[in-house]
Amino acid sequence: MPLAVPPLIGFQPLAVRALVEPTVTGEICLLGRDSPPPAAQAFRRAVAEAFA
């Protein structure tokens, strides 16, 4: 799970271990309208910056 998740479920006993091998990769696709609302534009910018 992403590192942002454990604090959200902090009441659960769990251990966090970084993956060393294999290298995990993925692709994120955002679909939407030609002129999305401001909130959707902000979300798109935040995702693009986080994964740049």
Protein backbone atom coordinates (compact mmCIF):
# COMPACT_ATOMS: atom_id res chain seq x y z
CA MET A 1 0.00 0.00 0.00
CA PRO A 2 1.16 3.59 -0.45
CA LEU A 3 2.95 5.18 2.51
CA ALA A 4 0.05 7.62 2.90
CA VAL A 5 -2.31 4.81 3.95
CA PRO A 6 -0.86 3.52 7.27
CA PRO A 7 -1.56 6.76 9.18
CA LEU A 8 -5.19 6.48 8.10
CA ILE A 9 -5.47 3.03 9.65
CA GLY A 10 -3.14 3.66 12.59
CA PHE A 11 -5.43 1.87 15.02
CA GLN A 12 -4.65 -1.45 13.30
CA PRO A 13 -1.50 -3.38 14.25
CA LEU A 14 0.58 -3.63 11.10
CA ALA A 15 4.16 -3.51 9.93
CA VAL A 16 5.36 -1.40 7.01
CA ARG A 17 8.11 -2.81 4.82
CA ALA A 18 9.53 -1.21 1.69
CA LEU A 19 9.59 -3.37 -1.42
CA VAL A 20 13.14 -4.00 -2.56
CA GLU A 21 12.61 -6.47 -5.39
CA PRO A 22 10.95 -6.74 -7.79
CA THR A 23 10.63 -3.14 -8.89
CA VAL A 24 6.94 -2.31 -8.96
CA THR A 25 5.74 0.04 -11.66
CA GLY A 26 2.33 1.11 -12.80
CA GLU A 27 0.46 3.48 -15.00
CA ILE A 28 -2.08 6.06 -13.92
CA CYS A 29 -4.63 7.31 -16.43
CA LEU A 30 -6.99 10.20 -15.86
CA LEU A 31 -10.03 10.49 -18.09
CA GLY A 32 -12.45 13.35 -18.16
CA ARG A 33 -14.15 16.14 -20.00
CA ASP A 34 -12.45 18.73 -22.19
CA SER A 35 -13.19 21.41 -19.60
CA PRO A 36 -13.22 19.79 -16.14
CA PRO A 37 -14.40 21.71 -13.07
CA PRO A 38 -11.76 23.46 -10.90
CA ALA A 39 -11.66 20.65 -8.33
CA ALA A 40 -10.92 18.07 -11.04
CA GLN A 41 -8.21 20.33 -12.48
CA ALA A 42 -6.60 20.65 -9.03
CA PHE A 43 -6.73 16.88 -8.56
CA ARG A 44 -5.12 16.32 -11.96
CA ARG A 45 -2.31 18.78 -11.08
CA ALA A 46 -1.74 17.13 -7.69
CA VAL A 47 -1.50 13.66 -9.24
CA ALA A 48 0.83 14.87 -11.99
CA GLU A 49 3.13 16.56 -9.43
CA ALA A 50 3.10 13.55 -7.08
CA PHE A 51 4.14 11.16 -9.81
CA ALA A 52 6.42 13.41 -11.87
